[in-house]
PDB file of all heavy atoms in Angstrom:
ATOM      1  N   MET A   1     -62.922 -77.793 110.523  1.00  0.00           N
ATOM      2  CA  MET A   1     -62.571 -77.309 111.836  1.00  0.00           C
ATOM      3  C   MET A   1     -63.662 -76.286 112.365  1.00  0.00           C
ATOM      4  O   MET A   1     -64.018 -76.441 113.526  1.00  0.00           O
ATOM      5  CB  MET A   1     -61.180 -76.665 111.816  1.00  0.00           C
ATOM      6  CG  MET A   1     -60.140 -77.570 111.609  1.00  0.00           C
ATOM      7  SD  MET A   1     -60.022 -78.936 112.842  1.00  0.00           S
ATOM      8  CE  MET A   1     -59.486 -78.040 114.242  1.00  0.00           C
ATOM      9  N   VAL A   2     -64.111 -75.449 111.515  1.00  0.00           N
ATOM     10  CA  VAL A   2     -65.220 -74.500 111.962  1.00  0.00           C
ATOM     11  C   VAL A   2     -66.494 -75.210 112.290  1.00  0.00           C
ATOM     12  O   VAL A   2     -67.088 -74.972 113.313  1.00  0.00           O
ATOM     13  CB  VAL A   2     -65.360 -73.458 110.768  1.00  0.00           C
ATOM     14  CG1 VAL A   2     -66.690 -72.673 111.014  1.00  0.00           C
ATOM     15  CG2 VAL A   2     -64.179 -72.585 110.721  1.00  0.00           C
ATOM     16  N   LEU A   3     -66.770 -76.289 111.360  1.00  0.00           N
ATOM     17  CA  LEU A   3     -67.960 -76.936 111.663  1.00  0.00           C
ATOM     18  C   LEU A   3     -67.929 -77.855 112.896  1.00  0.00           C
ATOM     19  O   LEU A   3     -68.710 -77.933 113.747  1.00  0.00           O
ATOM     20  CB  LEU A   3     -68.233 -77.960 110.526  1.00  0.00           C
ATOM     21  CG  LEU A   3     -69.492 -78.721 110.528  1.00  0.00           C
ATOM     22  CD1 LEU A   3     -70.733 -77.766 110.500  1.00  0.00           C
ATOM     23  CD2 LEU A   3     -69.610 -79.577 109.279  1.00  0.00           C
ATOM     24  N   LYS A   4     -66.730 -78.360 113.179  1.00  0.00           N
ATOM     25  CA  LYS A   4     -66.464 -79.197 114.445  1.00  0.00           C
ATOM     26  C   LYS A   4     -66.602 -78.372 115.646  1.00  0.00           C
ATOM     27  O   LYS A   4     -67.238 -78.652 116.595  1.00  0.00           O
ATOM     28  CB  LYS A   4     -65.101 -79.812 114.303  1.00  0.00           C
ATOM     29  CG  LYS A   4     -64.775 -80.628 115.490  1.00  0.00           C
ATOM     30  CD  LYS A   4     -63.352 -81.147 115.345  1.00  0.00           C
ATOM     31  CE  LYS A   4     -62.669 -81.680 116.700  1.00  0.00           C
ATOM     32  NZ  LYS A   4     -61.290 -82.015 116.579  1.00  0.00           N
ATOM     33  N   GLU A   5     -65.951 -77.180 115.569  1.00  0.00           N
ATOM     34  CA  GLU A   5     -66.035 -76.235 116.714  1.00  0.00           C
ATOM     35  C   GLU A   5     -67.420 -75.717 117.033  1.00  0.00           C
ATOM     36  O   GLU A   5     -67.774 -75.529 118.198  1.00  0.00           O
ATOM     37  CB  GLU A   5     -65.074 -75.054 116.575  1.00  0.00           C
ATOM     38  CG  GLU A   5     -63.536 -75.539 116.559  1.00  0.00           C
ATOM     39  CD  GLU A   5     -63.198 -76.013 117.937  1.00  0.00           C
ATOM     40  OE1 GLU A   5     -63.781 -75.503 118.962  1.00  0.00           O
ATOM     41  OE2 GLU A   5     -62.364 -76.901 117.977  1.00  0.00           O
ATOM     42  N   THR A   6     -68.242 -75.518 116.010  1.00  0.00           N
ATOM     43  CA  THR A   6     -69.512 -75.062 116.142  1.00  0.00           C
ATOM     44  C   THR A   6     -70.369 -76.152 116.822  1.00  0.00           C
ATOM     45  O   THR A   6     -71.159 -75.850 117.754  1.00  0.00           O
ATOM     46  CB  THR A   6     -70.205 -74.719 114.808  1.00  0.00           C
ATOM     47  OG1 THR A   6     -69.354 -73.691 114.103  1.00  0.00           O
ATOM     48  CG2 THR A   6     -71.576 -74.214 114.914  1.00  0.00           C
ATOM     49  N   ILE A   7     -70.285 -77.399 116.392  1.00  0.00           N
ATOM     50  CA  ILE A   7     -71.066 -78.446 116.948  1.00  0.00           C
ATOM     51  C   ILE A   7     -70.678 -78.692 118.377  1.00  0.00           C
ATOM     52  O   ILE A   7     -71.492 -78.911 119.234  1.00  0.00           O
ATOM     53  CB  ILE A   7     -70.864 -79.756 116.085  1.00  0.00           C
ATOM     54  CG1 ILE A   7     -71.531 -79.568 114.719  1.00  0.00           C
ATOM     55  CG2 ILE A   7     -71.419 -80.952 116.786  1.00  0.00           C
ATOM     56  CD1 ILE A   7     -71.279 -80.654 113.744  1.00  0.00           C
ATOM     57  N   LEU A   8     -69.367 -78.685 118.703  1.00  0.00           N
ATOM     58  CA  LEU A   8     -68.926 -78.893 119.970  1.00  0.00           C
ATOM     59  C   LEU A   8     -69.361 -77.821 120.932  1.00  0.00           C
ATOM     60  O   LEU A   8     -69.850 -78.019 122.054  1.00  0.00           O
ATOM     61  CB  LEU A   8     -67.354 -78.899 120.039  1.00  0.00           C
ATOM     62  CG  LEU A   8     -66.800 -80.288 119.526  1.00  0.00           C
ATOM     63  CD1 LEU A   8     -65.232 -80.253 119.536  1.00  0.00           C
ATOM     64  CD2 LEU A   8     -67.303 -81.452 120.226  1.00  0.00           C
ATOM     65  N   SER A   9     -69.347 -76.533 120.517  1.00  0.00           N
ATOM     66  CA  SER A   9     -69.959 -75.440 121.280  1.00  0.00           C
ATOM     67  C   SER A   9     -71.367 -75.488 121.570  1.00  0.00           C
ATOM     68  O   SER A   9     -71.893 -75.299 122.640  1.00  0.00           O
ATOM     69  CB  SER A   9     -69.570 -74.036 120.686  1.00  0.00           C
ATOM     70  OG  SER A   9     -70.239 -73.864 119.497  1.00  0.00           O
ATOM     71  N   LEU A  10     -72.207 -76.013 120.577  1.00  0.00           N
ATOM     72  CA  LEU A  10     -73.586 -76.208 120.736  1.00  0.00           C
ATOM     73  C   LEU A  10     -73.834 -77.384 121.803  1.00  0.00           C
ATOM     74  O   LEU A  10     -74.648 -77.197 122.639  1.00  0.00           O
ATOM     75  CB  LEU A  10     -74.332 -76.450 119.481  1.00  0.00           C
ATOM     76  CG  LEU A  10     -74.378 -75.400 118.546  1.00  0.00           C
ATOM     77  CD1 LEU A  10     -74.935 -75.765 117.192  1.00  0.00           C
ATOM     78  CD2 LEU A  10     -75.268 -74.196 119.116  1.00  0.00           C
ATOM     79  N   LEU A  11     -73.112 -78.456 121.753  1.00  0.00           N
ATOM     80  CA  LEU A  11     -73.223 -79.480 122.643  1.00  0.00           C
ATOM     81  C   LEU A  11     -72.773 -79.066 124.131  1.00  0.00           C
ATOM     82  O   LEU A  11     -73.410 -79.647 125.126  1.00  0.00           O
ATOM     83  CB  LEU A  11     -72.437 -80.757 122.267  1.00  0.00           C
ATOM     84  CG  LEU A  11     -72.916 -81.412 120.977  1.00  0.00           C
ATOM     85  CD1 LEU A  11     -71.964 -82.565 120.621  1.00  0.00           C
ATOM     86  CD2 LEU A  11     -74.320 -82.049 121.274  1.00  0.00           C
ATOM     87  N   GLY A  12     -71.900 -78.176 124.176  1.00  0.00           N
ATOM     88  CA  GLY A  12     -71.467 -77.654 125.473  1.00  0.00           C
ATOM     89  C   GLY A  12     -72.579 -76.868 126.214  1.00  0.00           C
ATOM     90  O   GLY A  12     -72.448 -76.659 127.411  1.00  0.00           O
ATOM     91  N   ARG A  13     -73.298 -76.203 125.407  1.00  0.00           N
ATOM     92  CA  ARG A  13     -74.316 -75.315 125.953  1.00  0.00           C
ATOM     93  C   ARG A  13     -75.628 -76.097 126.510  1.00  0.00           C
ATOM     94  O   ARG A  13     -76.432 -75.465 127.244  1.00  0.00           O
ATOM     95  CB  ARG A  13     -74.762 -74.299 124.995  1.00  0.00           C
ATOM     96  CG  ARG A  13     -73.811 -73.308 124.603  1.00  0.00           C
ATOM     97  CD  ARG A  13     -74.376 -72.326 123.677  1.00  0.00           C
ATOM     98  NE  ARG A  13     -73.259 -71.318 123.347  1.00  0.00           N
ATOM     99  CZ  ARG A  13     -73.586 -70.084 122.682  1.00  0.00           C
ATOM    100  NH1 ARG A  13     -74.763 -69.917 122.247  1.00  0.00           N
ATOM    101  NH2 ARG A  13     -72.615 -69.385 122.404  1.00  0.00           N
ATOM    102  N   VAL A  14     -75.687 -77.344 126.081  1.00  0.00           N
ATOM    103  CA  VAL A  14     -76.942 -78.062 126.513  1.00  0.00           C
ATOM    104  C   VAL A  14     -76.853 -78.387 127.874  1.00  0.00           C
ATOM    105  O   VAL A  14     -75.728 -78.752 128.496  1.00  0.00           O
ATOM    106  CB  VAL A  14     -77.056 -79.429 125.712  1.00  0.00           C
ATOM    107  CG1 VAL A  14     -78.094 -80.267 126.115  1.00  0.00           C
ATOM    108  CG2 VAL A  14     -77.137 -79.073 124.150  1.00  0.00           C
ATOM    109  N   MET A  15     -78.024 -78.188 128.660  1.00  0.00           N
ATOM    110  CA  MET A  15     -78.100 -78.484 130.110  1.00  0.00           C
ATOM    111  C   MET A  15     -78.274 -79.988 130.275  1.00  0.00           C
ATOM    112  O   MET A  15     -79.435 -80.415 130.314  1.00  0.00           O
ATOM    113  CB  MET A  15     -79.077 -77.661 130.768  1.00  0.00           C
ATOM    114  CG  MET A  15     -78.932 -76.161 130.639  1.00  0.00           C
ATOM    115  SD  MET A  15     -80.158 -75.171 131.469  1.00  0.00           S
ATOM    116  CE  MET A  15     -80.163 -75.709 133.154  1.00  0.00           C
ATOM    117  N   TRP A  16     -77.308 -80.803 130.317  1.00  0.00           N
ATOM    118  CA  TRP A  16     -77.371 -82.187 130.340  1.00  0.00           C
ATOM    119  C   TRP A  16     -78.062 -82.702 131.641  1.00  0.00           C
ATOM    120  O   TRP A  16     -78.747 -83.726 131.556  1.00  0.00           O
ATOM    121  CB  TRP A  16     -76.027 -82.913 130.116  1.00  0.00           C
ATOM    122  CG  TRP A  16     -75.508 -82.646 128.704  1.00  0.00           C
ATOM    123  CD1 TRP A  16     -74.496 -81.900 128.362  1.00  0.00           C
ATOM    124  CD2 TRP A  16     -76.055 -83.266 127.535  1.00  0.00           C
ATOM    125  NE1 TRP A  16     -74.323 -81.907 126.961  1.00  0.00           N
ATOM    126  CE2 TRP A  16     -75.405 -82.687 126.422  1.00  0.00           C
ATOM    127  CE3 TRP A  16     -77.064 -84.112 127.211  1.00  0.00           C
ATOM    128  CZ2 TRP A  16     -75.521 -83.108 125.108  1.00  0.00           C
ATOM    129  CZ3 TRP A  16     -77.236 -84.420 125.905  1.00  0.00           C
ATOM    130  CH2 TRP A  16     -76.486 -83.981 124.847  1.00  0.00           C
ATOM    131  N   LYS A  17     -77.857 -82.078 132.792  1.00  0.00           N
ATOM    132  CA  LYS A  17     -78.376 -82.365 133.999  1.00  0.00           C
ATOM    133  C   LYS A  17     -79.878 -82.329 133.953  1.00  0.00           C
ATOM    134  O   LYS A  17     -80.681 -83.246 134.386  1.00  0.00           O
ATOM    135  CB  LYS A  17     -77.934 -81.505 135.113  1.00  0.00           C
ATOM    136  CG  LYS A  17     -78.385 -81.909 136.533  1.00  0.00           C
ATOM    137  CD  LYS A  17     -77.868 -81.045 137.487  1.00  0.00           C
ATOM    138  CE  LYS A  17     -78.388 -81.400 138.872  1.00  0.00           C
ATOM    139  NZ  LYS A  17     -77.980 -80.588 140.033  1.00  0.00           N
ATOM    140  N   ALA A  18     -80.467 -81.247 133.343  1.00  0.00           N
ATOM    141  CA  ALA A  18     -81.879 -81.132 133.198  1.00  0.00           C
ATOM    142  C   ALA A  18     -82.496 -82.153 132.214  1.00  0.00           C
ATOM    143  O   ALA A  18     -83.583 -82.761 132.539  1.00  0.00           O
ATOM    144  CB  ALA A  18     -82.247 -79.715 132.653  1.00  0.00           C
ATOM    145  N   ILE A  19     -81.785 -82.502 131.134  1.00  0.00           N
ATOM    146  CA  ILE A  19     -82.246 -83.593 130.140  1.00  0.00           C
ATOM    147  C   ILE A  19     -82.261 -84.923 130.869  1.00  0.00           C
ATOM    148  O   ILE A  19     -83.165 -85.626 130.761  1.00  0.00           O
ATOM    149  CB  ILE A  19     -81.296 -83.537 129.016  1.00  0.00           C
ATOM    150  CG1 ILE A  19     -81.578 -82.307 128.207  1.00  0.00           C
ATOM    151  CG2 ILE A  19     -81.627 -84.836 128.078  1.00  0.00           C
ATOM    152  CD1 ILE A  19     -80.701 -82.052 126.974  1.00  0.00           C
ATOM    153  N   ALA A  20     -81.173 -85.239 131.739  1.00  0.00           N
ATOM    154  CA  ALA A  20     -81.170 -86.471 132.402  1.00  0.00           C
ATOM    155  C   ALA A  20     -82.310 -86.554 133.454  1.00  0.00           C
ATOM    156  O   ALA A  20     -82.935 -87.602 133.612  1.00  0.00           O
ATOM    157  CB  ALA A  20     -79.820 -86.666 133.038  1.00  0.00           C
ATOM    158  N   GLU A  21     -82.514 -85.478 134.195  1.00  0.00           N
ATOM    159  CA  GLU A  21     -83.668 -85.432 135.126  1.00  0.00           C
ATOM    160  C   GLU A  21     -85.002 -85.673 134.496  1.00  0.00           C
ATOM    161  O   GLU A  21     -85.798 -86.440 134.934  1.00  0.00           O
ATOM    162  CB  GLU A  21     -83.552 -84.082 135.920  1.00  0.00           C
ATOM    163  CG  GLU A  21     -84.578 -84.083 137.006  1.00  0.00           C
ATOM    164  CD  GLU A  21     -84.438 -82.709 137.740  1.00  0.00           C
ATOM    165  OE1 GLU A  21     -83.462 -81.945 137.463  1.00  0.00           O
ATOM    166  OE2 GLU A  21     -85.300 -82.486 138.636  1.00  0.00           O
ATOM    167  N   ARG A  22     -85.255 -85.132 133.435  1.00  0.00           N
ATOM    168  CA  ARG A  22     -86.384 -85.262 132.675  1.00  0.00           C
ATOM    169  C   ARG A  22     -86.584 -86.679 132.156  1.00  0.00           C
ATOM    170  O   ARG A  22     -87.658 -87.190 132.231  1.00  0.00           O
ATOM    171  CB  ARG A  22     -86.595 -84.211 131.524  1.00  0.00           C
ATOM    172  CG  ARG A  22     -86.813 -82.820 131.976  1.00  0.00           C
ATOM    173  CD  ARG A  22     -86.751 -81.835 130.785  1.00  0.00           C
ATOM    174  NE  ARG A  22     -86.797 -80.522 131.199  1.00  0.00           N
ATOM    175  CZ  ARG A  22     -87.881 -79.754 131.248  1.00  0.00           C
ATOM    176  NH1 ARG A  22     -89.072 -80.319 130.923  1.00  0.00           N
ATOM    177  NH2 ARG A  22     -87.856 -78.533 131.753  1.00  0.00           N
ATOM    178  N   MET A  23     -85.545 -87.264 131.658  1.00  0.00           N
ATOM    179  CA  MET A  23     -85.646 -88.599 131.146  1.00  0.00           C
ATOM    180  C   MET A  23     -85.828 -89.559 132.252  1.00  0.00           C
ATOM    181  O   MET A  23     -86.691 -90.462 132.166  1.00  0.00           O
ATOM    182  CB  MET A  23     -84.282 -88.911 130.469  1.00  0.00           C
ATOM    183  CG  MET A  23     -84.305 -90.369 129.802  1.00  0.00           C
ATOM    184  SD  MET A  23     -83.222 -90.221 128.384  1.00  0.00           S
ATOM    185  CE  MET A  23     -83.623 -91.584 127.583  1.00  0.00           C
ATOM    186  N   ALA A  24     -85.201 -89.423 133.412  1.00  0.00           N
ATOM    187  CA  ALA A  24     -85.457 -90.296 134.618  1.00  0.00           C
ATOM    188  C   ALA A  24     -86.918 -90.124 135.073  1.00  0.00           C
ATOM    189  O   ALA A  24     -87.380 -91.141 135.325  1.00  0.00           O
ATOM    190  CB  ALA A  24     -84.442 -89.847 135.710  1.00  0.00           C
ATOM    191  N   THR A  25     -87.340 -88.974 135.130  1.00  0.00           N
ATOM    192  CA  THR A  25     -88.748 -88.708 135.605  1.00  0.00           C
ATOM    193  C   THR A  25     -89.742 -89.496 134.529  1.00  0.00           C
ATOM    194  O   THR A  25     -90.697 -90.059 135.058  1.00  0.00           O
ATOM    195  CB  THR A  25     -89.112 -87.294 135.661  1.00  0.00           C
ATOM    196  OG1 THR A  25     -88.134 -86.598 136.498  1.00  0.00           O
ATOM    197  CG2 THR A  25     -90.497 -87.017 136.164  1.00  0.00           C
ATOM    198  N   ARG A  26     -89.515 -89.275 133.375  1.00  0.00           N
ATOM    199  CA  ARG A  26     -90.341 -89.963 132.369  1.00  0.00           C
ATOM    200  C   ARG A  26     -90.322 -91.466 132.440  1.00  0.00           C
ATOM    201  O   ARG A  26     -91.265 -92.224 132.333  1.00  0.00           O
ATOM    202  CB  ARG A  26     -90.088 -89.496 130.930  1.00  0.00           C
ATOM    203  CG  ARG A  26     -90.472 -88.054 130.676  1.00  0.00           C
ATOM    204  CD  ARG A  26     -90.153 -87.577 129.389  1.00  0.00           C
ATOM    205  NE  ARG A  26     -90.785 -86.191 129.210  1.00  0.00           N
ATOM    206  CZ  ARG A  26     -90.237 -85.311 128.649  1.00  0.00           C
ATOM    207  NH1 ARG A  26     -89.024 -85.567 127.992  1.00  0.00           N
ATOM    208  NH2 ARG A  26     -90.674 -84.159 128.556  1.00  0.00           N
ATOM    209  N   LEU A  27     -89.085 -92.076 132.711  1.00  0.00           N
ATOM    210  CA  LEU A  27     -88.948 -93.453 132.893  1.00  0.00           C
ATOM    211  C   LEU A  27     -89.658 -93.952 134.199  1.00  0.00           C
ATOM    212  O   LEU A  27     -90.423 -94.957 134.117  1.00  0.00           O
ATOM    213  CB  LEU A  27     -87.445 -93.896 133.003  1.00  0.00           C
ATOM    214  CG  LEU A  27     -86.682 -93.808 131.565  1.00  0.00           C
ATOM    215  CD1 LEU A  27     -85.338 -94.042 131.825  1.00  0.00           C
ATOM    216  CD2 LEU A  27     -87.243 -94.784 130.667  1.00  0.00           C
ATOM    217  N   VAL A  28     -89.661 -93.189 135.247  1.00  0.00           N
ATOM    218  CA  VAL A  28     -90.255 -93.566 136.427  1.00  0.00           C
ATOM    219  C   VAL A  28     -91.829 -93.547 136.211  1.00  0.00           C
ATOM    220  O   VAL A  28     -92.563 -94.452 136.563  1.00  0.00           O
ATOM    221  CB  VAL A  28     -89.973 -92.554 137.557  1.00  0.00           C
ATOM    222  CG1 VAL A  28     -90.847 -92.671 138.787  1.00  0.00           C
ATOM    223  CG2 VAL A  28     -88.499 -92.777 137.951  1.00  0.00           C
ATOM    224  N   VAL A  29     -92.222 -92.445 135.548  1.00  0.00           N
ATOM    225  CA  VAL A  29     -93.719 -92.307 135.251  1.00  0.00           C
ATOM    226  C   VAL A  29     -94.165 -93.566 134.357  1.00  0.00           C
ATOM    227  O   VAL A  29     -95.258 -94.186 134.566  1.00  0.00           O
ATOM    228  CB  VAL A  29     -94.082 -91.041 134.563  1.00  0.00           C
ATOM    229  CG1 VAL A  29     -95.595 -91.015 134.010  1.00  0.00           C
ATOM    230  CG2 VAL A  29     -93.838 -89.914 135.599  1.00  0.00           C
ATOM    231  N   TYR A  30     -93.478 -93.788 133.279  1.00  0.00           N
ATOM    232  CA  TYR A  30     -93.743 -94.995 132.497  1.00  0.00           C
ATOM    233  C   TYR A  30     -93.768 -96.280 133.302  1.00  0.00           C
ATOM    234  O   TYR A  30     -94.691 -97.150 133.157  1.00  0.00           O
ATOM    235  CB  TYR A  30     -92.768 -95.122 131.406  1.00  0.00           C
ATOM    236  CG  TYR A  30     -92.926 -96.266 130.568  1.00  0.00           C
ATOM    237  CD1 TYR A  30     -93.840 -96.341 129.650  1.00  0.00           C
ATOM    238  CD2 TYR A  30     -92.080 -97.516 130.665  1.00  0.00           C
ATOM    239  CE1 TYR A  30     -93.968 -97.667 128.816  1.00  0.00           C
ATOM    240  CE2 TYR A  30     -92.231 -98.663 129.969  1.00  0.00           C
ATOM    241  CZ  TYR A  30     -93.177 -98.701 128.996  1.00  0.00           C
ATOM    242  OH  TYR A  30     -93.318 -99.816 128.284  1.00  0.00           O
ATOM    243  N   GLY A  31     -92.835 -96.441 134.230  1.00  0.00           N
ATOM    244  CA  GLY A  31     -92.784 -97.716 134.956  1.00  0.00           C
ATOM    245  C   GLY A  31     -93.901 -97.725 135.946  1.00  0.00           C
ATOM    246  O   GLY A  31     -94.500 -98.869 136.151  1.00  0.00           O
ATOM    247  N   LEU A  32     -94.352 -96.701 136.568  1.00  0.00           N
ATOM    248  CA  LEU A  32     -95.405 -96.589 137.413  1.00  0.00           C
ATOM    249  C   LEU A  32     -96.754 -96.999 136.687  1.00  0.00           C
ATOM    250  O   LEU A  32     -97.596 -97.741 137.152  1.00  0.00           O
ATOM    251  CB  LEU A  32     -95.584 -95.332 138.151  1.00  0.00           C
ATOM    252  CG  LEU A  32     -94.661 -95.080 139.310  1.00  0.00           C
ATOM    253  CD1 LEU A  32     -94.747 -93.530 139.624  1.00  0.00           C
ATOM    254  CD2 LEU A  32     -94.949 -95.969 140.363  1.00  0.00           C
ATOM    255  N   LYS A  33     -96.965 -96.450 135.561  1.00  0.00           N
ATOM    256  CA  LYS A  33     -98.129 -96.656 134.706  1.00  0.00           C
ATOM    257  C   LYS A  33     -98.198 -98.218 134.253  1.00  0.00           C
ATOM    258  O   LYS A  33     -99.202 -98.864 134.328  1.00  0.00           O
ATOM    259  CB  LYS A  33     -98.257 -95.808 133.597  1.00  0.00           C
ATOM    260  CG  LYS A  33     -98.556 -94.408 133.979  1.00  0.00           C
ATOM    261  CD  LYS A  33     -98.779 -93.499 132.826  1.00  0.00           C
ATOM    262  CE  LYS A  33     -99.131 -91.985 133.262  1.00  0.00           C
ATOM    263  NZ  LYS A  33     -99.326 -91.135 132.175  1.00  0.00           N
ATOM    264  N   LYS A  34     -97.033 -98.683 133.991  1.00  0.00           N
ATOM    265  CA  LYS A  34     -96.890-100.082 133.559  1.00  0.00           C
ATOM    266  C   LYS A  34     -97.244-100.986 134.730  1.00  0.00           C
ATOM    267  O   LYS A  34     -97.959-101.981 134.705  1.00  0.00           O
ATOM    268  CB  LYS A  34     -95.477-100.374 133.105  1.00  0.00           C
ATOM    269  CG  LYS A  34     -95.373-101.656 132.280  1.00  0.00           C
ATOM    270  CD  LYS A  34     -95.943-101.539 130.942  1.00  0.00           C
ATOM    271  CE  LYS A  34     -95.459-102.670 130.092  1.00  0.00           C
ATOM    272  NZ  LYS A  34     -96.240-102.767 128.882  1.00  0.00           N
ATOM    273  N   LEU A  35     -96.616-100.643 135.950  1.00  0.00           N
ATOM    274  CA  LEU A  35     -96.892-101.435 137.115  1.00  0.00           C
ATOM    275  C   LEU A  35     -98.383-101.468 137.618  1.00  0.00           C
ATOM    276  O   LEU A  35     -98.950-102.449 138.130  1.00  0.00           O
ATOM    277  CB  LEU A  35     -96.065-100.872 138.228  1.00  0.00           C
ATOM    278  CG  LEU A  35     -95.980-101.650 139.548  1.00  0.00           C
ATOM    279  CD1 LEU A  35     -95.417-103.044 139.375  1.00  0.00           C
ATOM    280  CD2 LEU A  35     -95.086-100.918 140.605  1.00  0.00           C
ATOM    281  N   GLU A  36     -99.007-100.382 137.432  1.00  0.00           N
ATOM    282  CA  GLU A  36    -100.379-100.101 137.693  1.00  0.00           C
ATOM    283  C   GLU A  36    -101.314-101.153 136.960  1.00  0.00           C
ATOM    284  O   GLU A  36    -102.227-101.619 137.478  1.00  0.00           O
ATOM    285  CB  GLU A  36    -100.882 -98.722 137.446  1.00  0.00           C
ATOM    286  CG  GLU A  36    -102.293 -98.463 137.816  1.00  0.00           C
ATOM    287  CD  GLU A  36    -102.660 -97.014 137.454  1.00  0.00           C
ATOM    288  OE1 GLU A  36    -101.936 -96.408 136.583  1.00  0.00           O
ATOM    289  OE2 GLU A  36    -103.624 -96.475 137.989  1.00  0.00           O
TER     290      GLU A  36
END
């Protein structure tokens, strides 16, 4: 239970919006370079 709560609290602190934005940007850049 302690391990589970620790992992859940760490996942809750992650800024998922920023990670999704960075991933989308990298995918767009990759696609542009491929299209070029």
